Amino acid sequence: MRRLQQLLQARIIKEKDVLYFTFKKHIFTGKVGQGGVIGKCTWQKPNEQPRSIFDGVRMIQHQAYVRTFESLTDWTETCIQECLDEYHTRYSSWKRVRHQKKDVPMEVLFKHLQRSQMTNSDQSEGRSILLYEQIASQKQYIDMLTEHGDKWARWFQQNFPDKELPVPPIQTPVLETSTSEPPAAQPFVLHSDTGQYVVLHRINEVAPPECVSWLKANGPEKFKDMLQTIRQPVMYDPAVNGINTWEPVDIETSKRFVHNFFNAPPLSAASLPDSRN
């Protein structure tokens, strides 16, 4: 279905609505007809009155024929070429042709139609652009309303300094910027031939007493040596459902155990399960 016909069917435009565009100070107008065709065109030269164009009635096999246009591109190109003898132009019709009563480009009306027909399942790039354009329009509209409200408040205070505002001023809410806290621990998942290990490395934090005692008893180099003996790389594949195998423990079982451990709600000390190495 043609764009003009879609706008007409959606009642965004109506029959007999006037469309117009300008080119080198020449003004062309046309009226929307049934089915979204454009007819009853006029041409206004600079400093002159508008006159009708393309209004001659022709008879073809005893049928009356009046020239109409089924698209904005067809209409604008015909006006520019046949009336002004301009043939080497690229005229963006939907951006330049305006709706006279609404005083907006036809492109704005068609994008409004597209937004009204969007569904949640539409995930195209065009949908994102339409939403961003709508957000920009709404923000500009809010700024305009805020500016008008501020002007009215200043006018009222200047003319009635002893009276309070009959309507409280609009307070723009200040959004608090949330500062994300840095991570307190960084997990490392390691595996070896004899078992699976999870090490939580604390970042910028003093080690607890038990860690200090272990380091004093074994020395800071022993843990480093233990990590160097692990030849296989760090594993971070997503966990998948399956049957756990504990003796010996396999990689998928260890990943499921770690995943469930961090997702499970906190338990009391009495209900904690036996830890596995």
C-alpha atoms as a PDB file:
ATOM      1  CA  MET A   1       0.000   0.000   0.000  1.00  0.00           C
ATOM      2  CA  ARG A   2       1.310   3.453  -0.931  1.00  0.00           C
ATOM      3  CA  ARG A   3       2.451   5.757   1.857  1.00  0.00           C
ATOM      4  CA  LEU A   4      -0.169   8.436   1.205  1.00  0.00           C
ATOM      5  CA  GLN A   5      -2.872   5.783   1.176  1.00  0.00           C
ATOM      6  CA  GLN A   6      -1.595   4.420   4.514  1.00  0.00           C
ATOM      7  CA  LEU A   7      -1.694   7.903   6.079  1.00  0.00           C
ATOM      8  CA  LEU A   8      -5.191   8.444   4.743  1.00  0.00           C
ATOM      9  CA  GLN A   9      -6.398   5.067   5.991  1.00  0.00           C
ATOM     10  CA  ALA A  10      -4.922   5.752   9.441  1.00  0.00           C
ATOM     11  CA  ARG A  11      -6.748   9.140   9.477  1.00  0.00           C
ATOM     12  CA  ILE A  12      -3.521  11.028  10.001  1.00  0.00           C
ATOM     13  CA  ILE A  13      -4.389  13.019   6.875  1.00  0.00           C
ATOM     14  CA  LYS A  14      -7.819  13.581   5.341  1.00  0.00           C
ATOM     15  CA  GLU A  15      -9.258  14.171   1.927  1.00  0.00           C
ATOM     16  CA  LYS A  16      -8.999  17.792   0.740  1.00  0.00           C
ATOM     17  CA  ASP A  17      -5.982  18.414   3.016  1.00  0.00           C
ATOM     18  CA  VAL A  18      -3.530  20.800   1.350  1.00  0.00           C
ATOM     19  CA  LEU A  19       0.105  19.835   0.795  1.00  0.00           C
ATOM     20  CA  TYR A  20       2.723  22.322  -0.367  1.00  0.00           C
ATOM     21  CA  PHE A  21       6.422  22.712  -1.115  1.00  0.00           C
ATOM     22  CA  THR A  22       8.717  25.499  -2.270  1.00  0.00           C
ATOM     23  CA  PHE A  23      11.478  25.505  -4.854  1.00  0.00           C
ATOM     24  CA  LYS A  24      13.502  28.636  -5.634  1.00  0.00           C
ATOM     25  CA  LYS A  25      10.774  30.852  -4.146  1.00  0.00           C
ATOM     26  CA  HIS A  26       8.079  29.129  -6.209  1.00  0.00           C
ATOM     27  CA  ILE A  27       5.242  27.643  -4.160  1.00  0.00           C
ATOM     28  CA  PHE A  28       3.333  24.571  -5.327  1.00  0.00           C
ATOM     29  CA  THR A  29       0.217  23.190  -3.632  1.00  0.00           C
ATOM     30  CA  GLY A  30      -1.949  20.115  -4.112  1.00  0.00           C
ATOM     31  CA  LYS A  31      -4.949  18.556  -2.393  1.00  0.00           C
ATOM     32  CA  VAL A  32      -5.235  14.996  -1.118  1.00  0.00           C
ATOM     33  CA  GLY A  33      -7.937  13.087  -2.949  1.00  0.00           C
ATOM     34  CA  GLN A  34      -9.649   9.755  -2.455  1.00  0.00           C
ATOM     35  CA  GLY A  35      -7.172   6.878  -2.204  1.00  0.00           C
ATOM     36  CA  GLY A  36      -4.295   9.251  -1.423  1.00  0.00           C
ATOM     37  CA  VAL A  37      -3.850  10.733  -4.907  1.00  0.00           C
ATOM     38  CA  ILE A  38      -2.806  14.379  -5.290  1.00  0.00           C
ATOM     39  CA  GLY A  39      -4.816  16.722  -7.501  1.00  0.00           C
ATOM     40  CA  LYS A  40      -6.150  20.294  -7.852  1.00  0.00           C
ATOM     41  CA  CYS A  41      -2.617  21.660  -7.992  1.00  0.00           C
ATOM     42  CA  THR A  42      -1.577  25.319  -7.980  1.00  0.00           C
ATOM     43  CA  TRP A  43       1.627  27.188  -8.773  1.00  0.00           C
ATOM     44  CA  GLN A  44       2.535  30.561  -7.276  1.00  0.00           C
ATOM     45  CA  LYS A  45       5.439  32.466  -8.799  1.00  0.00           C
ATOM     46  CA  PRO A  46       7.341  35.014  -6.689  1.00  0.00           C
ATOM     47  CA  ASN A  47       5.249  38.170  -6.100  1.00  0.00           C
ATOM     48  CA  GLU A  48       2.299  36.735  -8.048  1.00  0.00           C
ATOM     49  CA  GLN A  49      -1.033  35.111  -7.236  1.00  0.00           C
ATOM     50  CA  PRO A  50      -1.366  31.309  -7.396  1.00  0.00           C
ATOM     51  CA  ARG A  51      -2.886  29.759 -10.497  1.00  0.00           C
ATOM     52  CA  SER A  52      -4.187  26.290 -11.247  1.00  0.00           C
ATOM     53  CA  ILE A  53      -2.004  23.800 -13.094  1.00  0.00           C
ATOM     54  CA  PHE A  54      -2.605  20.304 -14.508  1.00  0.00           C
ATOM     55  CA  ASP A  55      -6.351  21.014 -14.436  1.00  0.00           C
ATOM     56  CA  GLY A  56      -7.152  20.472 -18.073  1.00  0.00           C
ATOM     57  CA  VAL A  57      -9.798  17.796 -18.731  1.00  0.00           C
ATOM     58  CA  ARG A  58      -8.902  15.313 -21.465  1.00  0.00           C
ATOM     59  CA  MET A  59     -11.245  12.813 -23.092  1.00  0.00           C
ATOM     60  CA  ILE A  60      -9.956   9.319 -23.755  1.00  0.00           C
ATOM     61  CA  GLN A  61     -12.487   6.976 -25.350  1.00  0.00           C
ATOM     62  CA  HIS A  62     -15.307   9.159 -24.054  1.00  0.00           C
ATOM     63  CA  GLN A  63     -13.852   9.078 -20.524  1.00  0.00           C
ATOM     64  CA  ALA A  64     -12.892  12.328 -18.781  1.00  0.00           C
ATOM     65  CA  TYR A  65      -9.301  12.351 -17.531  1.00  0.00           C
ATOM     66  CA  VAL A  66      -7.754  14.870 -15.106  1.00  0.00           C
ATOM     67  CA  ARG A  67      -4.088  14.649 -14.222  1.00  0.00           C
ATOM     68  CA  THR A  68      -3.383  13.384 -10.702  1.00  0.00           C
ATOM     69  CA  PHE A  69      -0.302  12.039  -8.912  1.00  0.00           C
ATOM     70  CA  GLU A  70      -0.030   8.897  -6.824  1.00  0.00           C
ATOM     71  CA  SER A  71       3.137   9.837  -4.922  1.00  0.00           C
ATOM     72  CA  LEU A  72       4.901  12.898  -3.556  1.00  0.00           C
ATOM     73  CA  THR A  73       7.959  12.164  -5.687  1.00  0.00           C
ATOM     74  CA  ASP A  74       5.906  12.023  -8.890  1.00  0.00           C
ATOM     75  CA  TRP A  75       4.131  15.271  -7.985  1.00  0.00           C
ATOM     76  CA  THR A  76       7.210  17.302  -7.005  1.00  0.00           C
ATOM     77  CA  GLU A  77       9.346  16.144  -9.931  1.00  0.00           C
ATOM     78  CA  THR A  78       6.565  16.928 -12.413  1.00  0.00           C
ATOM     79  CA  CYS A  79       6.056  20.426 -10.991  1.00  0.00           C
ATOM     80  CA  ILE A  80       9.766  21.230 -10.994  1.00  0.00           C
ATOM     81  CA  GLN A  81      10.462  19.802 -14.428  1.00  0.00           C
ATOM     82  CA  GLU A  82       7.382  20.914 -16.379  1.00  0.00           C
ATOM     83  CA  CYS A  83       6.828  24.293 -14.724  1.00  0.00           C
ATOM     84  CA  LEU A  84      10.404  25.428 -14.037  1.00  0.00           C
ATOM     85  CA  ASP A  85      12.370  23.399 -16.611  1.00  0.00           C
ATOM     86  CA  GLU A  86      14.658  22.057 -13.899  1.00  0.00           C
ATOM     87  CA  TYR A  87      15.778  18.531 -14.751  1.00  0.00           C
ATOM     88  CA  HIS A  88      18.991  17.971 -12.803  1.00  0.00           C
ATOM     89  CA  THR A  89      17.749  18.209  -9.234  1.00  0.00           C
ATOM     90  CA  ARG A  90      17.510  15.734  -6.389  1.00  0.00           C
ATOM     91  CA  TYR A  91      14.497  16.816  -4.394  1.00  0.00           C
ATOM     92  CA  SER A  92      13.770  14.917  -1.178  1.00  0.00           C
ATOM     93  CA  SER A  93       9.978  14.964  -1.408  1.00  0.00           C
ATOM     94  CA  TRP A  94       9.012  13.474   1.959  1.00  0.00           C
ATOM     95  CA  LYS A  95      11.358  15.847   3.790  1.00  0.00           C
ATOM     96  CA  ARG A  96      10.375  18.989   1.838  1.00  0.00           C
ATOM     97  CA  VAL A  97       6.637  18.608   1.257  1.00  0.00           C
ATOM     98  CA  ARG A  98       4.663  19.915   4.240  1.00  0.00           C
ATOM     99  CA  HIS A  99       1.116  19.423   5.467  1.00  0.00           C
ATOM    100  CA  GLN A 100      -0.434  22.897   5.488  1.00  0.00           C
ATOM    101  CA  LYS A 101      -2.789  22.509   8.449  1.00  0.00           C
ATOM    102  CA  LYS A 102      -0.406  20.556  10.693  1.00  0.00           C
ATOM    103  CA  ASP A 103       2.624  22.557   9.471  1.00  0.00           C
ATOM    104  CA  VAL A 104       5.006  19.591   9.589  1.00  0.00           C
ATOM    105  CA  PRO A 105       6.900  17.715   6.859  1.00  0.00           C
ATOM    106  CA  MET A 106       5.167  14.651   5.490  1.00  0.00           C
ATOM    107  CA  GLU A 107       8.110  12.548   6.695  1.00  0.00           C
ATOM    108  CA  VAL A 108       7.173  13.385  10.307  1.00  0.00           C
ATOM    109  CA  LEU A 109       3.605  12.175   9.750  1.00  0.00           C
ATOM    110  CA  PHE A 110       4.765   8.921   8.177  1.00  0.00           C
ATOM    111  CA  LYS A 111       7.229   8.232  11.009  1.00  0.00           C
ATOM    112  CA  HIS A 112       4.401   8.853  13.454  1.00  0.00           C
ATOM    113  CA  LEU A 113       2.418   6.184  11.610  1.00  0.00           C
ATOM    114  CA  GLN A 114       5.377   3.784  11.791  1.00  0.00           C
ATOM    115  CA  ARG A 115       5.771   4.301  15.549  1.00  0.00           C
ATOM    116  CA  SER A 116       2.076   3.653  16.133  1.00  0.00           C
ATOM    117  CA  GLN A 117       2.345   0.351  14.236  1.00  0.00           C
ATOM    118  CA  MET A 118       5.484  -0.912  16.012  1.00  0.00           C
ATOM    119  CA  THR A 119       5.284  -4.007  18.190  1.00  0.00           C
ATOM    120  CA  ASN A 120       7.596  -5.374  20.876  1.00  0.00           C
ATOM    121  CA  SER A 121       8.782  -8.064  18.481  1.00  0.00           C
ATOM    122  CA  ASP A 122      10.250  -5.494  16.081  1.00  0.00           C
ATOM    123  CA  GLN A 123      14.002  -5.391  16.688  1.00  0.00           C
ATOM    124  CA  SER A 124      15.238  -3.675  13.530  1.00  0.00           C
ATOM    125  CA  GLU A 125      17.628  -0.749  13.345  1.00  0.00           C
ATOM    126  CA  GLY A 126      14.831   1.381  11.908  1.00  0.00           C
ATOM    127  CA  ARG A 127      12.780   0.770  15.036  1.00  0.00           C
ATOM    128  CA  SER A 128      15.630   2.015  17.212  1.00  0.00           C
ATOM    129  CA  ILE A 129      16.005   5.181  15.133  1.00  0.00           C
ATOM    130  CA  LEU A 130      12.279   5.899  15.418  1.00  0.00           C
ATOM    131  CA  LEU A 131      12.419   5.489  19.194  1.00  0.00           C
ATOM    132  CA  TYR A 132      15.482   7.743  19.501  1.00  0.00           C
ATOM    133  CA  GLU A 133      13.751  10.397  17.389  1.00  0.00           C
ATOM    134  CA  GLN A 134      10.670  10.148  19.576  1.00  0.00           C
ATOM    135  CA  ILE A 135      12.774  10.561  22.736  1.00  0.00           C
ATOM    136  CA  ALA A 136      14.478  13.645  21.259  1.00  0.00           C
ATOM    137  CA  SER A 137      11.102  15.148  20.354  1.00  0.00           C
ATOM    138  CA  GLN A 138       9.677  14.506  23.812  1.00  0.00           C
ATOM    139  CA  LYS A 139      12.720  16.060  25.507  1.00  0.00           C
ATOM    140  CA  GLN A 140      12.480  19.165  23.348  1.00  0.00           C
ATOM    141  CA  TYR A 141       8.749  19.420  24.081  1.00  0.00           C
ATOM    142  CA  ILE A 142       9.412  19.155  27.831  1.00  0.00           C
ATOM    143  CA  ASP A 143      12.054  21.897  27.571  1.00  0.00           C
ATOM    144  CA  MET A 144       9.566  24.127  25.752  1.00  0.00           C
ATOM    145  CA  LEU A 145       6.884  23.590  28.427  1.00  0.00           C
ATOM    146  CA  THR A 146       9.412  24.273  31.193  1.00  0.00           C
ATOM    147  CA  GLU A 147      10.536  27.492  29.502  1.00  0.00           C
ATOM    148  CA  HIS A 148       6.930  28.708  29.099  1.00  0.00           C
ATOM    149  CA  GLY A 149       6.222  27.888  32.739  1.00  0.00           C
ATOM    150  CA  ASP A 150       9.277  29.851  33.892  1.00  0.00           C
ATOM    151  CA  LYS A 151       8.298  32.860  31.768  1.00  0.00           C
ATOM    152  CA  TRP A 152       4.772  32.863  33.190  1.00  0.00           C
ATOM    153  CA  ALA A 153       6.095  32.618  36.769  1.00  0.00           C
ATOM    154  CA  ARG A 154       8.412  35.619  36.222  1.00  0.00           C
ATOM    155  CA  TRP A 155       5.572  37.614  34.649  1.00  0.00           C
ATOM    156  CA  PHE A 156       3.256  36.836  37.553  1.00  0.00           C
ATOM    157  CA  GLN A 157       5.863  37.782  40.163  1.00  0.00           C
ATOM    158  CA  GLN A 158       6.586  41.072  38.408  1.00  0.00           C
ATOM    159  CA  ASN A 159       2.923  42.065  38.111  1.00  0.00           C
ATOM    160  CA  PHE A 160       1.701  40.614  41.440  1.00  0.00           C
ATOM    161  CA  PRO A 161       4.693  40.770  43.790  1.00  0.00           C
ATOM    162  CA  ASP A 162       2.544  40.465  46.927  1.00  0.00           C
ATOM    163  CA  LYS A 163       0.718  37.315  45.852  1.00  0.00           C
ATOM    164  CA  GLU A 164       1.781  33.718  45.766  1.00  0.00           C
ATOM    165  CA  LEU A 165       1.773  31.781  42.528  1.00  0.00           C
ATOM    166  CA  PRO A 166      -1.682  30.246  42.033  1.00  0.00           C
ATOM    167  CA  VAL A 167      -0.003  27.156  40.614  1.00  0.00           C
ATOM    168  CA  PRO A 168       3.182  25.789  42.180  1.00  0.00           C
ATOM    169  CA  PRO A 169       6.180  25.857  39.829  1.00  0.00           C
ATOM    170  CA  ILE A 170       7.254  22.657  38.160  1.00  0.00           C
ATOM    171  CA  GLN A 171      10.182  21.096  39.957  1.00  0.00           C
ATOM    172  CA  THR A 172      12.517  19.201  37.676  1.00  0.00           C
ATOM    173  CA  PRO A 173      13.560  16.022  39.510  1.00  0.00           C
ATOM    174  CA  VAL A 174      17.279  15.573  39.930  1.00  0.00           C
ATOM    175  CA  LEU A 175      18.345  12.051  39.092  1.00  0.00           C
ATOM    176  CA  GLU A 176      20.885  10.642  41.491  1.00  0.00           C
ATOM    177  CA  THR A 177      23.848   9.095  39.767  1.00  0.00           C
ATOM    178  CA  SER A 178      24.577   5.753  41.309  1.00  0.00           C
ATOM    179  CA  THR A 179      28.232   5.032  41.829  1.00  0.00           C
ATOM    180  CA  SER A 180      28.974   1.372  41.351  1.00  0.00           C
ATOM    181  CA  GLU A 181      31.165  -0.068  44.074  1.00  0.00           C
ATOM    182  CA  PRO A 182      34.337  -1.856  42.950  1.00  0.00           C
ATOM    183  CA  PRO A 183      34.298  -5.633  43.288  1.00  0.00           C
ATOM    184  CA  ALA A 184      35.384  -6.970  46.655  1.00  0.00           C
ATOM    185  CA  ALA A 185      36.575 -10.340  45.354  1.00  0.00           C
ATOM    186  CA  GLN A 186      37.598 -11.850  42.071  1.00  0.00           C
ATOM    187  CA  PRO A 187      37.008 -15.581  41.507  1.00  0.00           C
ATOM    188  CA  PHE A 188      39.513 -17.825  39.750  1.00  0.00           C
ATOM    189  CA  VAL A 189      38.337 -21.284  38.689  1.00  0.00           C
ATOM    190  CA  LEU A 190      41.223 -23.729  38.383  1.00  0.00           C
ATOM    191  CA  HIS A 191      41.267 -27.452  37.682  1.00  0.00           C
ATOM    192  CA  SER A 192      43.895 -30.155  37.941  1.00  0.00           C
ATOM    193  CA  ASP A 193      44.162 -33.916  37.466  1.00  0.00           C
ATOM    194  CA  THR A 194      43.155 -34.660  41.077  1.00  0.00           C
ATOM    195  CA  GLY A 195      40.362 -32.173  41.770  1.00  0.00           C
ATOM    196  CA  GLN A 196      38.730 -28.814  41.188  1.00  0.00           C
ATOM    197  CA  TYR A 197      39.624 -25.626  43.064  1.00  0.00           C
ATOM    198  CA  VAL A 198      37.994 -22.231  43.483  1.00  0.00           C
ATOM    199  CA  VAL A 199      40.103 -19.347  44.755  1.00  0.00           C
ATOM    200  CA  LEU A 200      38.515 -16.030  45.810  1.00  0.00           C
ATOM    201  CA  HIS A 201      41.155 -13.356  45.535  1.00  0.00           C
ATOM    202  CA  ARG A 202      40.337 -10.307  47.667  1.00  0.00           C
ATOM    203  CA  ILE A 203      41.032  -6.961  46.008  1.00  0.00           C
ATOM    204  CA  ASN A 204      42.446  -4.053  48.047  1.00  0.00           C
ATOM    205  CA  GLU A 205      41.467  -5.637  51.331  1.00  0.00           C
ATOM    206  CA  VAL A 206      43.425  -6.843  54.370  1.00  0.00           C
ATOM    207  CA  ALA A 207      43.535 -10.616  54.569  1.00  0.00           C
ATOM    208  CA  PRO A 208      41.577 -12.255  57.436  1.00  0.00           C
ATOM    209  CA  PRO A 209      43.502 -13.767  60.401  1.00  0.00           C
ATOM    210  CA  GLU A 210      43.270 -17.353  59.131  1.00  0.00           C
ATOM    211  CA  CYS A 211      44.953 -16.409  55.879  1.00  0.00           C
ATOM    212  CA  VAL A 212      47.716 -14.591  57.727  1.00  0.00           C
ATOM    213  CA  SER A 213      48.263 -17.643  59.938  1.00  0.00           C
ATOM    214  CA  TRP A 214      48.455 -19.945  56.910  1.00  0.00           C
ATOM    215  CA  LEU A 215      50.982 -17.680  55.224  1.00  0.00           C
ATOM    216  CA  LYS A 216      53.094 -17.508  58.381  1.00  0.00           C
ATOM    217  CA  ALA A 217      53.092 -21.308  58.696  1.00  0.00           C
ATOM    218  CA  ASN A 218      53.714 -22.157  55.049  1.00  0.00           C
ATOM    219  CA  GLY A 219      55.379 -19.067  53.655  1.00  0.00           C
ATOM    220  CA  PRO A 220      54.078 -16.803  50.872  1.00  0.00           C
ATOM    221  CA  GLU A 221      55.897 -18.788  48.155  1.00  0.00           C
ATOM    222  CA  LYS A 222      54.162 -22.117  48.804  1.00  0.00           C
ATOM    223  CA  PHE A 223      50.782 -21.038  47.466  1.00  0.00           C
ATOM    224  CA  LYS A 224      52.506 -19.564  44.419  1.00  0.00           C
ATOM    225  CA  ASP A 225      54.240 -22.881  43.819  1.00  0.00           C
ATOM    226  CA  MET A 226      50.908 -24.708  44.111  1.00  0.00           C
ATOM    227  CA  LEU A 227      49.397 -22.566  41.375  1.00  0.00           C
ATOM    228  CA  GLN A 228      52.397 -23.074  39.082  1.00  0.00           C
ATOM    229  CA  THR A 229      51.893 -26.836  39.141  1.00  0.00           C
ATOM    230  CA  ILE A 230      48.474 -26.469  37.469  1.00  0.00           C
ATOM    231  CA  ARG A 231      49.235 -26.868  33.791  1.00  0.00           C
ATOM    232  CA  GLN A 232      45.772 -26.461  32.272  1.00  0.00           C
ATOM    233  CA  PRO A 233      44.353 -22.976  31.578  1.00  0.00           C
ATOM    234  CA  VAL A 234      41.585 -21.199  33.494  1.00  0.00           C
ATOM    235  CA  MET A 235      38.117 -22.453  32.554  1.00  0.00           C
ATOM    236  CA  TYR A 236      35.129 -20.070  32.329  1.00  0.00           C
ATOM    237  CA  ASP A 237      32.625 -21.937  30.123  1.00  0.00           C
ATOM    238  CA  PRO A 238      28.924 -21.593  31.064  1.00  0.00           C
ATOM    239  CA  ALA A 239      27.527 -24.309  33.310  1.00  0.00           C
ATOM    240  CA  VAL A 240      25.047 -26.770  31.761  1.00  0.00           C
ATOM    241  CA  ASN A 241      22.590 -29.177  33.328  1.00  0.00           C
ATOM    242  CA  GLY A 242      23.754 -32.750  33.773  1.00  0.00           C
ATOM    243  CA  ILE A 243      24.567 -35.608  36.200  1.00  0.00           C
ATOM    244  CA  ASN A 244      27.247 -34.748  38.754  1.00  0.00           C
ATOM    245  CA  THR A 245      30.306 -36.984  39.014  1.00  0.00           C
ATOM    246  CA  TRP A 246      32.268 -36.528  42.252  1.00  0.00           C
ATOM    247  CA  GLU A 247      34.789 -39.412  42.360  1.00  0.00           C
ATOM    248  CA  PRO A 248      36.793 -38.187  40.635  1.00  0.00           C
ATOM    249  CA  VAL A 249      35.130 -34.804  40.130  1.00  0.00           C
ATOM    250  CA  ASP A 250      34.873 -33.693  36.528  1.00  0.00           C
ATOM    251  CA  ILE A 251      34.948 -30.199  35.047  1.00  0.00           C
ATOM    252  CA  GLU A 252      31.199 -29.870  34.375  1.00  0.00           C
ATOM    253  CA  THR A 253      30.328 -30.957  37.923  1.00  0.00           C
ATOM    254  CA  SER A 254      32.658 -28.364  39.411  1.00  0.00           C
ATOM    255  CA  LYS A 255      31.188 -25.630  37.243  1.00  0.00           C
ATOM    256  CA  ARG A 256      27.652 -26.560  38.306  1.00  0.00           C
ATOM    257  CA  PHE A 257      28.726 -26.610  41.954  1.00  0.00           C
ATOM    258  CA  VAL A 258      30.256 -23.126  41.730  1.00  0.00           C
ATOM    259  CA  HIS A 259      27.260 -21.770  39.813  1.00  0.00           C
ATOM    260  CA  ASN A 260      24.751 -23.139  42.349  1.00  0.00           C
ATOM    261  CA  PHE A 261      26.907 -22.011  45.273  1.00  0.00           C
ATOM    262  CA  PHE A 262      26.858 -18.345  44.237  1.00  0.00           C
ATOM    263  CA  ASN A 263      23.168 -18.377  43.186  1.00  0.00           C
ATOM    264  CA  ALA A 264      21.829 -20.165  46.276  1.00  0.00           C
ATOM    265  CA  PRO A 265      20.363 -18.099  49.169  1.00  0.00           C
ATOM    266  CA  PRO A 266      22.463 -17.908  52.368  1.00  0.00           C
ATOM    267  CA  LEU A 267      22.033 -20.908  54.665  1.00  0.00           C
ATOM    268  CA  SER A 268      22.464 -21.324  58.367  1.00  0.00           C
ATOM    269  CA  ALA A 269      25.565 -23.069  59.684  1.00  0.00           C
ATOM    270  CA  ALA A 270      23.547 -26.156  60.701  1.00  0.00           C
ATOM    271  CA  SER A 271      22.122 -26.626  57.198  1.00  0.00           C
ATOM    272  CA  LEU A 272      25.368 -26.187  55.266  1.00  0.00           C
ATOM    273  CA  PRO A 273      26.352 -29.270  53.183  1.00  0.00           C
ATOM    274  CA  ASP A 274      29.708 -30.956  53.409  1.00  0.00           C
ATOM    275  CA  SER A 275      32.349 -29.059  51.485  1.00  0.00           C
ATOM    276  CA  ARG A 276      34.065 -30.794  48.597  1.00  0.00           C
ATOM    277  CA  ASN A 277      37.682 -30.294  47.502  1.00  0.00           C
END
